[in-house]
Amino acid sequence: MYCLPYLERIRKLKLERLDVRRLRFDILFVYKMLFGLVLLDFRMFFTLSPVDYTRGHCYKLLLPNYNTDIRKYFSRFVLSKSGMNSLHLLTSVV
Protein backbone atom coordinates (compact mmCIF):
# COMPACT_ATOMS: atom_id res chain seq x y z
CA MET A 1 0.00 0.00 0.00
CA TYR A 2 2.95 2.33 0.63
CA CYS A 3 4.14 2.17 -2.94
CA LEU A 4 0.79 3.40 -4.35
CA PRO A 5 0.16 7.09 -5.05
CA TYR A 6 -2.12 9.03 -2.72
CA LEU A 7 -5.19 8.99 -4.97
CA GLU A 8 -4.92 5.25 -5.53
CA ARG A 9 -4.64 4.57 -1.79
CA ILE A 10 -7.69 6.60 -0.89
CA ARG A 11 -9.63 5.04 -3.75
CA LYS A 12 -8.79 1.52 -2.55
CA LEU A 13 -9.56 2.41 1.07
CA LYS A 14 -12.78 4.18 0.00
CA LEU A 15 -11.83 7.40 1.76
CA GLU A 16 -12.29 11.04 0.80
CA ARG A 17 -9.44 13.33 -0.11
CA LEU A 18 -8.00 15.47 2.66
CA ASP A 19 -9.21 18.76 1.16
CA VAL A 20 -12.77 17.41 0.94
CA ARG A 21 -12.65 16.24 4.56
CA ARG A 22 -11.39 19.64 5.70
CA LEU A 23 -14.09 21.47 3.74
CA ARG A 24 -16.79 19.20 5.15
CA PHE A 25 -15.51 19.73 8.70
CA ASP A 26 -15.50 23.51 8.20
CA ILE A 27 -19.07 23.50 6.91
CA LEU A 28 -20.26 21.35 9.82
CA PHE A 29 -18.43 23.51 12.34
CA VAL A 30 -19.97 26.72 10.96
CA TYR A 31 -23.40 25.04 11.20
CA LYS A 32 -22.73 24.13 14.83
CA MET A 33 -21.60 27.68 15.61
CA LEU A 34 -24.64 29.18 13.89
CA PHE A 35 -27.13 27.08 15.84
CA GLY A 36 -25.32 27.26 19.19
CA LEU A 37 -24.16 23.64 19.37
CA VAL A 38 -20.63 24.70 20.35
CA LEU A 39 -19.53 27.32 22.86
CA LEU A 40 -18.23 29.71 20.23
CA ASP A 41 -20.17 32.72 19.01
CA PHE A 42 -20.47 32.84 15.21
CA ARG A 43 -20.61 36.65 15.34
CA MET A 44 -16.87 36.64 16.04
CA PHE A 45 -16.34 35.32 12.49
CA PHE A 46 -19.48 36.10 10.47
CA THR A 47 -22.45 38.41 10.27
CA LEU A 48 -25.91 37.50 9.03
CA SER A 49 -26.94 39.21 5.83
CA PRO A 50 -29.66 41.84 6.21
CA VAL A 51 -31.09 40.69 2.86
CA ASP A 52 -34.16 38.52 3.40
CA TYR A 53 -34.38 36.78 0.00
CA THR A 54 -31.84 33.96 0.34
CA ARG A 55 -33.29 30.93 -1.47
CA GLY A 56 -35.56 29.63 1.23
CA HIS A 57 -33.65 30.41 4.42
CA CYS A 58 -32.39 33.43 6.33
CA TYR A 59 -28.87 32.23 7.09
CA LYS A 60 -26.72 33.94 4.49
CA LEU A 61 -23.37 34.51 6.17
CA LEU A 62 -21.06 37.38 5.37
CA LEU A 63 -17.37 37.58 6.16
CA PRO A 64 -16.34 40.92 7.64
CA ASN A 65 -14.08 43.20 5.64
CA TYR A 66 -10.58 43.42 7.08
CA ASN A 67 -7.99 46.10 6.47
CA THR A 68 -4.96 43.89 6.97
CA ASP A 69 -4.00 40.65 5.30
CA ILE A 70 -3.08 39.05 8.62
CA ARG A 71 -6.63 39.16 9.93
CA LYS A 72 -8.12 38.32 6.53
CA TYR A 73 -6.17 35.07 6.16
CA PHE A 74 -6.11 34.15 9.85
CA SER A 75 -9.62 32.71 9.86
CA ARG A 76 -9.82 28.93 9.93
CA PHE A 77 -12.96 29.05 7.82
CA VAL A 78 -12.05 29.37 4.19
CA LEU A 79 -15.52 28.78 2.88
CA SER A 80 -16.16 30.37 -0.44
CA LYS A 81 -19.16 30.08 -2.70
CA SER A 82 -17.20 27.90 -5.08
CA GLY A 83 -16.03 25.63 -2.25
CA MET A 84 -19.45 25.10 -0.72
CA ASN A 85 -21.23 24.73 -4.04
CA SER A 86 -18.74 22.23 -5.41
CA LEU A 87 -18.70 19.92 -2.38
CA HIS A 88 -20.90 17.36 -4.13
CA LEU A 89 -18.54 17.46 -7.13
CA LEU A 90 -15.50 16.85 -4.93
CA THR A 91 -17.06 13.86 -3.21
CA SER A 92 -18.16 12.21 -6.44
CA VAL A 93 -14.62 12.24 -7.90
CA VAL A 94 -13.22 9.61 -5.54
C-alpha atoms as a PDB file:
ATOM      1  CA  MET A   1       0.000   0.000   0.000  1.00  0.00           C
ATOM      2  CA  TYR A   2       2.954   2.333   0.634  1.00  0.00           C
ATOM      3  CA  CYS A   3       4.136   2.173  -2.944  1.00  0.00           C
ATOM      4  CA  LEU A   4       0.787   3.398  -4.348  1.00  0.00           C
ATOM      5  CA  PRO A   5       0.162   7.091  -5.051  1.00  0.00           C
ATOM      6  CA  TYR A   6      -2.116   9.034  -2.720  1.00  0.00           C
ATOM      7  CA  LEU A   7      -5.186   8.990  -4.972  1.00  0.00           C
ATOM      8  CA  GLU A   8      -4.915   5.246  -5.530  1.00  0.00           C
ATOM      9  CA  ARG A   9      -4.642   4.572  -1.790  1.00  0.00           C
ATOM     10  CA  ILE A  10      -7.686   6.601  -0.889  1.00  0.00           C
ATOM     11  CA  ARG A  11      -9.634   5.037  -3.749  1.00  0.00           C
ATOM     12  CA  LYS A  12      -8.788   1.517  -2.548  1.00  0.00           C
ATOM     13  CA  LEU A  13      -9.564   2.408   1.074  1.00  0.00           C
ATOM     14  CA  LYS A  14     -12.776   4.179  -0.003  1.00  0.00           C
ATOM     15  CA  LEU A  15     -11.828   7.404   1.760  1.00  0.00           C
ATOM     16  CA  GLU A  16     -12.295  11.040   0.804  1.00  0.00           C
ATOM     17  CA  ARG A  17      -9.437  13.329  -0.114  1.00  0.00           C
ATOM     18  CA  LEU A  18      -8.003  15.471   2.655  1.00  0.00           C
ATOM     19  CA  ASP A  19      -9.210  18.757   1.163  1.00  0.00           C
ATOM     20  CA  VAL A  20     -12.766  17.410   0.944  1.00  0.00           C
ATOM     21  CA  ARG A  21     -12.647  16.238   4.560  1.00  0.00           C
ATOM     22  CA  ARG A  22     -11.392  19.643   5.696  1.00  0.00           C
ATOM     23  CA  LEU A  23     -14.087  21.474   3.742  1.00  0.00           C
ATOM     24  CA  ARG A  24     -16.791  19.198   5.145  1.00  0.00           C
ATOM     25  CA  PHE A  25     -15.507  19.729   8.697  1.00  0.00           C
ATOM     26  CA  ASP A  26     -15.501  23.513   8.197  1.00  0.00           C
ATOM     27  CA  ILE A  27     -19.072  23.503   6.910  1.00  0.00           C
ATOM     28  CA  LEU A  28     -20.256  21.353   9.818  1.00  0.00           C
ATOM     29  CA  PHE A  29     -18.431  23.513  12.342  1.00  0.00           C
ATOM     30  CA  VAL A  30     -19.974  26.717  10.963  1.00  0.00           C
ATOM     31  CA  TYR A  31     -23.398  25.039  11.197  1.00  0.00           C
ATOM     32  CA  LYS A  32     -22.730  24.126  14.834  1.00  0.00           C
ATOM     33  CA  MET A  33     -21.602  27.681  15.606  1.00  0.00           C
ATOM     34  CA  LEU A  34     -24.638  29.175  13.887  1.00  0.00           C
ATOM     35  CA  PHE A  35     -27.132  27.082  15.839  1.00  0.00           C
ATOM     36  CA  GLY A  36     -25.323  27.255  19.193  1.00  0.00           C
ATOM     37  CA  LEU A  37     -24.165  23.638  19.372  1.00  0.00           C
ATOM     38  CA  VAL A  38     -20.628  24.704  20.355  1.00  0.00           C
ATOM     39  CA  LEU A  39     -19.531  27.316  22.864  1.00  0.00           C
ATOM     40  CA  LEU A  40     -18.235  29.708  20.235  1.00  0.00           C
ATOM     41  CA  ASP A  41     -20.173  32.716  19.007  1.00  0.00           C
ATOM     42  CA  PHE A  42     -20.470  32.838  15.213  1.00  0.00           C
ATOM     43  CA  ARG A  43     -20.608  36.654  15.344  1.00  0.00           C
ATOM     44  CA  MET A  44     -16.872  36.640  16.041  1.00  0.00           C
ATOM     45  CA  PHE A  45     -16.336  35.322  12.492  1.00  0.00           C
ATOM     46  CA  PHE A  46     -19.480  36.097  10.467  1.00  0.00           C
ATOM     47  CA  THR A  47     -22.446  38.412  10.273  1.00  0.00           C
ATOM     48  CA  LEU A  48     -25.908  37.502   9.032  1.00  0.00           C
ATOM     49  CA  SER A  49     -26.940  39.206   5.832  1.00  0.00           C
ATOM     50  CA  PRO A  50     -29.660  41.837   6.207  1.00  0.00           C
ATOM     51  CA  VAL A  51     -31.095  40.694   2.859  1.00  0.00           C
ATOM     52  CA  ASP A  52     -34.157  38.518   3.403  1.00  0.00           C
ATOM     53  CA  TYR A  53     -34.381  36.782   0.000  1.00  0.00           C
ATOM     54  CA  THR A  54     -31.839  33.963   0.338  1.00  0.00           C
ATOM     55  CA  ARG A  55     -33.285  30.932  -1.474  1.00  0.00           C
ATOM     56  CA  GLY A  56     -35.564  29.633   1.230  1.00  0.00           C
ATOM     57  CA  HIS A  57     -33.653  30.409   4.423  1.00  0.00           C
ATOM     58  CA  CYS A  58     -32.390  33.433   6.325  1.00  0.00           C
ATOM     59  CA  TYR A  59     -28.874  32.226   7.094  1.00  0.00           C
ATOM     60  CA  LYS A  60     -26.722  33.941   4.487  1.00  0.00           C
ATOM     61  CA  LEU A  61     -23.371  34.505   6.175  1.00  0.00           C
ATOM     62  CA  LEU A  62     -21.060  37.379   5.366  1.00  0.00           C
ATOM     63  CA  LEU A  63     -17.372  37.578   6.163  1.00  0.00           C
ATOM     64  CA  PRO A  64     -16.337  40.915   7.640  1.00  0.00           C
ATOM     65  CA  ASN A  65     -14.076  43.199   5.642  1.00  0.00           C
ATOM     66  CA  TYR A  66     -10.581  43.419   7.079  1.00  0.00           C
ATOM     67  CA  ASN A  67      -7.989  46.104   6.469  1.00  0.00           C
ATOM     68  CA  THR A  68      -4.962  43.890   6.971  1.00  0.00           C
ATOM     69  CA  ASP A  69      -3.996  40.648   5.301  1.00  0.00           C
ATOM     70  CA  ILE A  70      -3.085  39.051   8.625  1.00  0.00           C
ATOM     71  CA  ARG A  71      -6.635  39.158   9.933  1.00  0.00           C
ATOM     72  CA  LYS A  72      -8.123  38.324   6.534  1.00  0.00           C
ATOM     73  CA  TYR A  73      -6.172  35.073   6.164  1.00  0.00           C
ATOM     74  CA  PHE A  74      -6.110  34.151   9.852  1.00  0.00           C
ATOM     75  CA  SER A  75      -9.616  32.712   9.858  1.00  0.00           C
ATOM     76  CA  ARG A  76      -9.821  28.926   9.930  1.00  0.00           C
ATOM     77  CA  PHE A  77     -12.958  29.053   7.823  1.00  0.00           C
ATOM     78  CA  VAL A  78     -12.049  29.371   4.191  1.00  0.00           C
ATOM     79  CA  LEU A  79     -15.520  28.780   2.880  1.00  0.00           C
ATOM     80  CA  SER A  80     -16.160  30.366  -0.439  1.00  0.00           C
ATOM     81  CA  LYS A  81     -19.156  30.075  -2.703  1.00  0.00           C
ATOM     82  CA  SER A  82     -17.198  27.895  -5.075  1.00  0.00           C
ATOM     83  CA  GLY A  83     -16.027  25.627  -2.255  1.00  0.00           C
ATOM     84  CA  MET A  84     -19.451  25.095  -0.724  1.00  0.00           C
ATOM     85  CA  ASN A  85     -21.233  24.727  -4.040  1.00  0.00           C
ATOM     86  CA  SER A  86     -18.739  22.227  -5.410  1.00  0.00           C
ATOM     87  CA  LEU A  87     -18.704  19.918  -2.375  1.00  0.00           C
ATOM     88  CA  HIS A  88     -20.899  17.359  -4.125  1.00  0.00           C
ATOM     89  CA  LEU A  89     -18.545  17.463  -7.125  1.00  0.00           C
ATOM     90  CA  LEU A  90     -15.499  16.848  -4.935  1.00  0.00           C
ATOM     91  CA  THR A  91     -17.061  13.859  -3.205  1.00  0.00           C
ATOM     92  CA  SER A  92     -18.155  12.207  -6.435  1.00  0.00           C
ATOM     93  CA  VAL A  93     -14.622  12.243  -7.899  1.00  0.00           C
ATOM     94  CA  VAL A  94     -13.218   9.606  -5.540  1.00  0.00           C
END
